[in-house]
N, C-alpha and C. Protein backbone atom coordinates (compact mmCIF):
# COMPACT_ATOMS: atom_id res chain seq x y z
N MET A 1 0.81 -1.41 0.00
CA MET A 1 0.16 0.21 -0.16
C MET A 1 0.92 1.26 -0.05
N GLN A 2 0.51 2.20 -0.81
CA GLN A 2 1.22 3.61 -0.69
C GLN A 2 0.50 4.49 -0.20
N TRP A 3 1.08 4.80 1.15
CA TRP A 3 0.48 6.17 1.91
C TRP A 3 0.69 7.42 1.07
N GLU A 4 -0.51 8.37 1.42
CA GLU A 4 -0.44 9.36 0.71
C GLU A 4 -0.01 10.34 1.38
N PHE A 5 0.97 11.24 1.08
CA PHE A 5 1.72 12.35 1.93
C PHE A 5 1.00 13.70 1.67
N VAL A 6 0.60 14.14 3.01
CA VAL A 6 -0.09 15.32 2.87
C VAL A 6 0.34 16.01 4.04
N ALA A 7 0.22 17.56 3.77
CA ALA A 7 1.20 18.34 4.85
C ALA A 7 0.45 19.67 4.57
N TYR A 8 0.75 20.49 5.94
CA TYR A 8 0.66 21.83 5.90
C TYR A 8 1.51 22.18 6.53
N TYR A 9 1.89 23.88 6.50
CA TYR A 9 2.89 24.40 7.19
C TYR A 9 2.19 25.58 8.02
N LEU A 10 3.16 26.01 9.01
CA LEU A 10 2.70 26.70 9.83
C LEU A 10 4.04 27.87 10.17
N ASP A 11 3.88 29.24 9.64
CA ASP A 11 4.85 30.24 9.81
C ASP A 11 4.56 30.72 11.17
N GLY A 12 5.71 30.97 11.88
CA GLY A 12 5.48 31.53 12.92
C GLY A 12 6.51 32.84 13.17
N ILE A 13 6.31 33.49 14.24
CA ILE A 13 7.33 34.42 14.95
C ILE A 13 6.86 34.37 16.33
N VAL A 14 7.97 34.53 17.06
CA VAL A 14 7.64 34.78 18.71
C VAL A 14 8.62 35.80 19.19
N GLU A 15 8.15 36.56 19.99
CA GLU A 15 9.20 37.25 20.85
C GLU A 15 9.60 36.75 21.81
N PRO A 16 10.69 36.14 22.35
CA PRO A 16 11.18 35.61 23.58
C PRO A 16 10.87 36.18 24.83
N SER A 17 11.28 37.43 24.82
CA SER A 17 11.11 38.23 26.11
C SER A 17 9.80 38.42 26.48
N THR A 18 8.61 38.31 25.81
CA THR A 18 7.14 38.70 26.22
C THR A 18 6.30 37.64 25.62
N GLY A 19 6.55 36.64 24.80
CA GLY A 19 5.82 35.62 24.41
C GLY A 19 4.66 36.07 23.27
N ASP A 20 4.84 37.13 22.88
CA ASP A 20 4.00 37.87 21.84
C ASP A 20 4.44 36.84 20.67
N ASN A 21 3.19 36.63 19.89
CA ASN A 21 3.55 35.53 18.93
C ASN A 21 2.44 36.00 17.30
N PHE A 22 2.82 35.56 16.58
CA PHE A 22 2.10 35.82 15.13
C PHE A 22 2.27 34.32 14.32
N PHE A 23 1.21 33.70 13.97
CA PHE A 23 1.26 32.52 13.33
C PHE A 23 0.28 32.45 11.88
N LEU A 24 0.72 31.89 10.70
CA LEU A 24 -0.19 32.01 9.37
C LEU A 24 0.11 30.32 9.01
N GLU A 25 -1.10 29.93 8.69
CA GLU A 25 -0.96 28.37 7.79
C GLU A 25 -0.92 28.85 6.51
N PHE A 26 -0.10 27.80 5.84
CA PHE A 26 -0.07 27.47 4.48
C PHE A 26 -0.04 26.34 4.08
N SER A 27 -0.40 26.14 2.60
CA SER A 27 -0.77 24.28 2.09
C SER A 27 0.59 24.14 1.67
N HIS A 28 1.59 25.03 1.29
CA HIS A 28 2.82 24.66 0.72
C HIS A 28 4.00 25.74 1.40
N LEU A 29 5.24 25.33 0.70
CA LEU A 29 6.22 26.10 1.45
C LEU A 29 7.05 26.74 0.06
N ASP A 30 7.06 28.12 -0.20
CA ASP A 30 7.75 28.75 -1.08
C ASP A 30 7.73 30.28 -0.93
N SER A 31 8.56 30.80 -2.16
CA SER A 31 8.64 32.15 -1.32
C SER A 31 7.75 33.10 -1.64
N LYS A 32 6.52 32.77 -2.54
CA LYS A 32 5.19 33.45 -2.33
C LYS A 32 4.49 33.46 -1.06
N CYS A 33 4.36 32.27 -0.43
CA CYS A 33 3.74 32.18 1.01
C CYS A 33 4.42 33.10 1.83
N PHE A 34 6.00 32.86 1.52
CA PHE A 34 6.87 33.58 2.75
C PHE A 34 6.62 35.10 2.68
N GLN A 35 6.37 35.58 1.24
CA GLN A 35 5.92 36.88 0.87
C GLN A 35 4.63 37.17 1.91
N ILE A 36 3.78 36.51 1.50
CA ILE A 36 2.46 36.81 2.13
C ILE A 36 2.45 36.79 3.89
N PHE A 37 3.67 36.01 4.40
CA PHE A 37 3.98 35.90 5.77
C PHE A 37 4.64 37.16 6.12
N LEU A 38 5.45 37.52 5.44
CA LEU A 38 6.08 38.76 5.90
C LEU A 38 5.21 40.16 5.77
N ASN A 39 4.23 40.15 4.80
CA ASN A 39 3.56 41.16 4.70
C ASN A 39 2.48 41.40 5.93
N GLU A 40 2.08 40.28 6.35
CA GLU A 40 1.10 39.94 7.24
C GLU A 40 1.73 40.19 8.76
N VAL A 41 2.87 40.02 8.97
CA VAL A 41 3.61 40.36 9.91
C VAL A 41 3.79 41.61 10.14
N SER A 42 4.07 42.45 8.82
CA SER A 42 4.14 43.94 8.72
C SER A 42 3.09 44.81 9.06
N ARG A 43 1.92 43.99 8.77
CA ARG A 43 0.65 44.60 9.27
C ARG A 43 0.39 44.42 10.94
N TYR A 44 0.81 43.12 11.01
CA TYR A 44 0.39 42.96 12.73
C TYR A 44 1.07 43.73 13.49
N SER A 45 2.33 44.15 13.12
CA SER A 45 3.20 44.93 14.21
C SER A 45 3.95 46.06 13.36
N PRO A 46 2.77 46.73 13.03
CA PRO A 46 3.30 48.09 12.07
C PRO A 46 4.39 49.21 12.66
N HIS A 47 4.46 49.23 14.13
CA HIS A 47 5.19 50.26 14.63
C HIS A 47 6.37 49.75 15.29
N ARG A 48 6.69 48.66 14.89
CA ARG A 48 8.10 48.05 15.54
C ARG A 48 8.85 47.36 14.50
N LEU A 49 10.13 47.45 14.68
CA LEU A 49 11.30 46.91 13.89
C LEU A 49 11.04 45.59 14.33
N ASN A 50 10.42 44.74 13.33
CA ASN A 50 10.43 42.96 13.42
C ASN A 50 11.64 42.49 12.97
N ILE A 51 12.49 41.81 14.14
CA ILE A 51 13.82 41.18 13.44
C ILE A 51 13.29 39.49 13.35
N ILE A 52 13.27 38.90 12.40
CA ILE A 52 13.13 37.49 12.03
C ILE A 52 14.10 36.73 12.04
N GLN A 53 14.35 35.58 12.85
CA GLN A 53 15.53 34.94 12.71
C GLN A 53 15.03 33.93 11.56
N LEU A 54 15.83 33.32 10.96
CA LEU A 54 15.22 32.34 9.80
C LEU A 54 16.49 31.55 9.70
N ASP A 55 16.28 30.26 8.96
CA ASP A 55 17.14 29.40 8.75
C ASP A 55 17.54 29.60 7.25
N GLN A 56 18.28 28.75 6.75
CA GLN A 56 18.91 29.09 5.17
C GLN A 56 18.02 28.51 4.18
N GLY A 57 16.67 28.40 4.46
CA GLY A 57 15.89 27.98 3.42
C GLY A 57 15.66 28.65 2.14
N LYS A 58 15.94 28.51 0.87
CA LYS A 58 15.66 29.07 -0.41
C LYS A 58 14.80 29.98 -0.53
N PHE A 59 13.67 29.50 -0.13
CA PHE A 59 12.53 30.34 0.03
C PHE A 59 12.61 31.81 0.75
N HIS A 60 13.31 31.67 1.88
CA HIS A 60 13.74 32.92 2.80
C HIS A 60 14.78 33.56 2.06
N GLN A 61 15.37 33.21 1.28
CA GLN A 61 16.40 34.18 0.29
C GLN A 61 15.98 34.55 -0.70
N SER A 62 14.59 34.54 -1.52
CA SER A 62 14.43 34.73 -2.80
C SER A 62 14.99 35.88 -3.07
N ASN A 63 15.20 36.22 -4.25
CA ASN A 63 15.34 37.42 -4.89
C ASN A 63 14.21 38.35 -5.04
N ASP A 64 13.10 37.42 -5.36
CA ASP A 64 11.83 38.22 -5.76
C ASP A 64 10.95 38.76 -4.39
N LEU A 65 11.55 38.45 -3.37
CA LEU A 65 10.97 38.88 -1.85
C LEU A 65 11.22 40.44 -2.17
N LYS A 66 10.00 41.00 -1.27
CA LYS A 66 10.19 42.43 -1.06
C LYS A 66 9.81 42.55 0.41
N VAL A 67 11.13 42.60 1.11
CA VAL A 67 10.76 42.64 2.60
C VAL A 67 10.47 44.02 3.09
N PRO A 68 9.40 44.08 3.94
CA PRO A 68 8.45 45.42 4.37
C PRO A 68 9.86 46.37 5.10
N GLU A 69 9.47 47.47 5.22
CA GLU A 69 10.79 48.38 5.78
C GLU A 69 10.65 47.93 7.42
N ASN A 70 9.61 47.59 8.00
CA ASN A 70 9.66 47.43 9.46
C ASN A 70 10.02 45.63 9.87
N ILE A 71 10.82 45.29 8.66
CA ILE A 71 11.07 43.80 9.04
C ILE A 71 12.49 43.71 8.71
N LEU A 72 13.50 43.22 9.44
CA LEU A 72 14.88 42.79 9.26
C LEU A 72 15.13 41.15 9.37
N LEU A 73 15.33 40.49 8.16
CA LEU A 73 15.70 39.12 8.19
C LEU A 73 16.84 38.83 8.82
N LEU A 74 17.14 38.14 9.72
CA LEU A 74 18.35 37.79 10.46
C LEU A 74 18.59 36.32 9.97
N PHE A 75 19.77 35.81 9.18
CA PHE A 75 19.84 34.55 9.14
C PHE A 75 21.02 33.86 10.04
N GLN A 76 20.24 32.66 10.55
CA GLN A 76 21.25 32.01 11.22
C GLN A 76 22.30 31.32 10.49
N PRO A 77 23.20 30.63 11.21
CA PRO A 77 24.31 29.50 10.65
C PRO A 77 23.48 28.53 9.90
N ALA A 78 23.83 27.71 8.86
CA ALA A 78 23.27 26.59 8.59
C ALA A 78 23.49 25.69 9.33
N ALA A 79 22.25 24.72 9.49
CA ALA A 79 22.27 23.41 10.56
C ALA A 79 22.48 23.46 11.76
N SER A 80 21.73 25.12 12.43
CA SER A 80 21.92 25.54 13.70
C SER A 80 20.53 25.55 14.43
N PRO A 81 19.37 25.11 14.30
CA PRO A 81 18.32 25.13 14.95
C PRO A 81 18.18 25.61 16.00
N GLU A 82 19.10 25.27 17.22
CA GLU A 82 19.06 25.48 18.43
C GLU A 82 19.57 26.86 18.56
N LEU A 83 19.84 27.71 17.72
CA LEU A 83 19.84 29.32 17.84
C LEU A 83 18.43 30.05 17.45
N ASN A 84 17.44 29.17 16.96
CA ASN A 84 16.42 30.26 16.82
C ASN A 84 15.40 29.87 17.68
N PRO A 85 14.81 30.60 18.61
CA PRO A 85 13.98 30.39 19.50
C PRO A 85 12.39 29.49 19.41
N ILE A 86 12.23 29.98 18.17
CA ILE A 86 10.64 29.39 17.87
C ILE A 86 10.88 27.90 17.58
N GLU A 87 12.07 27.67 17.35
CA GLU A 87 12.48 25.81 17.34
C GLU A 87 11.92 25.04 18.44
N ARG A 88 11.87 25.91 19.64
CA ARG A 88 11.75 25.18 21.08
C ARG A 88 10.16 25.01 21.01
N LEU A 89 9.60 26.29 20.43
CA LEU A 89 7.87 26.17 20.46
C LEU A 89 7.69 25.17 19.40
N TRP A 90 7.99 25.12 18.34
CA TRP A 90 7.93 23.79 17.46
C TRP A 90 7.94 22.51 18.34
N GLN A 91 8.86 22.41 18.82
CA GLN A 91 9.02 20.99 19.62
C GLN A 91 8.16 20.89 20.99
N TYR A 92 7.24 21.71 21.40
CA TYR A 92 6.64 22.00 22.41
C TYR A 92 5.35 21.51 21.81
N ILE A 93 5.08 22.21 20.79
CA ILE A 93 3.67 21.60 19.97
C ILE A 93 3.73 20.19 19.77
N LYS A 94 4.72 19.80 18.99
CA LYS A 94 5.06 18.68 18.60
C LYS A 94 4.81 17.49 19.67
N ASP A 95 5.33 17.76 20.86
CA ASP A 95 5.20 16.87 22.11
C ASP A 95 3.87 16.79 22.38
N LYS A 96 3.18 17.86 22.26
CA LYS A 96 1.62 17.80 22.51
C LYS A 96 0.80 16.82 21.37
N LEU A 97 1.36 17.10 20.40
CA LEU A 97 0.86 16.01 19.22
C LEU A 97 1.25 14.82 19.28
N SER A 98 2.28 14.21 19.77
CA SER A 98 2.84 12.64 19.90
C SER A 98 1.78 11.90 20.56
N TRP A 99 2.16 10.67 20.11
CA TRP A 99 1.09 9.51 20.22
C TRP A 99 -0.33 9.85 19.86
N LYS A 100 -0.77 10.67 18.99
CA LYS A 100 -1.86 10.87 18.25
C LYS A 100 -2.15 10.71 16.74
N LEU A 101 -2.93 10.10 16.44
CA LEU A 101 -2.98 9.70 15.13
C LEU A 101 -4.21 10.45 14.78
N TYR A 102 -4.10 11.08 13.27
CA TYR A 102 -5.15 11.95 12.44
C TYR A 102 -5.71 11.11 11.38
N ASP A 103 -6.97 10.94 11.04
CA ASP A 103 -7.51 10.29 9.59
C ASP A 103 -7.34 11.32 8.74
N LYS A 104 -7.53 12.64 9.12
CA LYS A 104 -7.54 13.72 8.16
C LYS A 104 -6.68 14.90 8.41
N LEU A 105 -6.08 15.42 7.55
CA LEU A 105 -5.40 16.58 7.67
C LEU A 105 -6.16 17.70 8.24
N ASP A 106 -7.52 17.88 8.20
CA ASP A 106 -7.85 19.05 8.73
C ASP A 106 -8.10 18.95 10.14
N GLN A 107 -8.11 17.46 10.84
CA GLN A 107 -8.06 16.92 12.18
C GLN A 107 -6.75 17.66 12.65
N LEU A 108 -5.37 17.17 12.28
CA LEU A 108 -3.93 17.90 12.72
C LEU A 108 -4.28 19.37 12.76
N LYS A 109 -4.74 20.06 11.76
CA LYS A 109 -4.76 21.30 11.79
C LYS A 109 -5.68 21.94 12.74
N GLU A 110 -6.91 21.53 13.13
CA GLU A 110 -7.68 22.11 14.41
C GLU A 110 -6.94 21.60 15.49
N GLU A 111 -6.39 20.41 15.69
CA GLU A 111 -5.63 20.21 17.10
C GLU A 111 -4.53 21.18 17.38
N VAL A 112 -3.97 21.62 16.20
CA VAL A 112 -2.76 22.40 16.18
C VAL A 112 -3.30 23.88 16.34
N ARG A 113 -4.37 24.20 16.13
CA ARG A 113 -5.08 25.57 16.23
C ARG A 113 -5.25 25.80 17.71
N GLU A 114 -6.17 24.42 18.31
CA GLU A 114 -5.97 24.47 19.68
C GLU A 114 -5.34 24.83 20.70
N ILE A 115 -4.02 23.83 20.44
CA ILE A 115 -2.91 23.99 21.15
C ILE A 115 -2.37 25.51 21.08
N LEU A 116 -2.45 26.14 19.89
CA LEU A 116 -1.84 27.42 19.78
C LEU A 116 -2.91 28.43 20.69
N LYS A 117 -3.88 28.14 20.72
CA LYS A 117 -5.11 29.18 21.33
C LYS A 117 -4.93 29.06 22.83
N GLY A 118 -4.50 27.79 23.33
CA GLY A 118 -4.44 27.30 24.74
C GLY A 118 -2.76 27.76 25.30
N ILE A 119 -1.94 28.07 24.37
CA ILE A 119 -0.54 28.53 25.05
C ILE A 119 -0.81 30.11 25.53
N SER A 120 -0.19 30.28 26.33
CA SER A 120 -0.46 31.72 27.14
C SER A 120 1.25 32.33 26.54
N SER A 121 0.92 33.59 26.46
CA SER A 121 2.37 34.38 26.19
C SER A 121 3.40 34.14 27.23
N GLU A 122 2.86 33.79 28.50
CA GLU A 122 4.00 33.45 29.53
C GLU A 122 4.90 31.95 29.24
N THR A 123 3.91 31.18 28.80
CA THR A 123 4.51 29.73 28.37
C THR A 123 5.23 30.02 27.35
N ILE A 124 5.00 30.89 25.98
CA ILE A 124 5.86 31.12 25.18
C ILE A 124 6.86 31.70 25.49
N ALA A 125 6.89 32.37 26.17
CA ALA A 125 8.62 33.17 26.67
C ALA A 125 9.06 32.03 27.59
N SER A 126 8.33 31.56 28.16
CA SER A 126 9.40 30.64 28.81
C SER A 126 10.04 29.28 28.35
N VAL A 127 9.16 28.90 27.04
CA VAL A 127 9.64 27.84 26.51
C VAL A 127 10.70 28.42 25.36
N THR A 128 10.78 29.91 25.01
CA THR A 128 11.52 30.66 23.99
C THR A 128 12.55 31.56 24.54
N SER A 129 12.58 31.57 25.64
CA SER A 129 13.71 32.73 25.97
C SER A 129 14.64 32.11 26.90
N TRP A 130 15.83 31.64 25.93
CA TRP A 130 17.23 31.09 26.57
C TRP A 130 17.86 32.36 26.72
N ASN A 131 18.67 32.26 28.07
CA ASN A 131 19.41 33.56 28.25
C ASN A 131 20.31 34.00 27.07
N TYR A 132 21.24 33.46 26.45
CA TYR A 132 21.55 33.63 25.50
C TYR A 132 21.08 34.25 24.26
N ILE A 133 19.70 34.18 24.20
CA ILE A 133 19.02 34.72 23.17
C ILE A 133 18.51 36.06 23.75
N LEU A 134 18.21 35.89 24.96
CA LEU A 134 17.46 37.40 25.61
C LEU A 134 18.69 38.35 25.43
N GLU A 135 19.87 38.03 25.67
CA GLU A 135 21.17 38.93 25.89
C GLU A 135 21.35 39.31 24.28
N ALA A 136 21.39 38.26 23.11
CA ALA A 136 21.12 38.75 21.70
C ALA A 136 20.48 39.67 21.37
N VAL A 137 18.83 39.69 21.93
CA VAL A 137 18.14 40.45 21.47
C VAL A 137 18.20 41.92 22.13
N THR A 138 18.72 42.17 23.24
CA THR A 138 18.95 43.42 24.33
C THR A 138 20.34 43.99 23.38
N VAL A 139 21.26 43.22 22.57
CA VAL A 139 22.07 43.84 21.78
C VAL A 139 21.60 44.36 20.69
N THR A 140 20.63 43.79 19.92
CA THR A 140 19.91 44.25 18.68
C THR A 140 19.32 45.46 18.95
């Protein structure tokens, strides 16, 4: 039997010291979706400089991207997810999903939405605010 692979993608940002956060779901992963994400982050937080830490994904570095003026993209070294605070939040969510099976992708999406709704800013801050991350944020 051939299993059908279906997926969806959750882009997000977190502010480690406060737990402020923003997430968007996408059906695929490419520079067009990332452009939508950047535009929505810019609208979500228009009066702040939003420093978004990213991995080296090609869609993050497309020449077609138009980065809004209130966003600064900060690329972490390759193969170093431990430097990105949101990776700990992704792991936190995955831990809550472990040992569960879903018949439909929509069921998984709904479960993730419920998890995100139930996570307080304080919890996000506690999961993502390593000392060296907070020190780096104060320098910027």
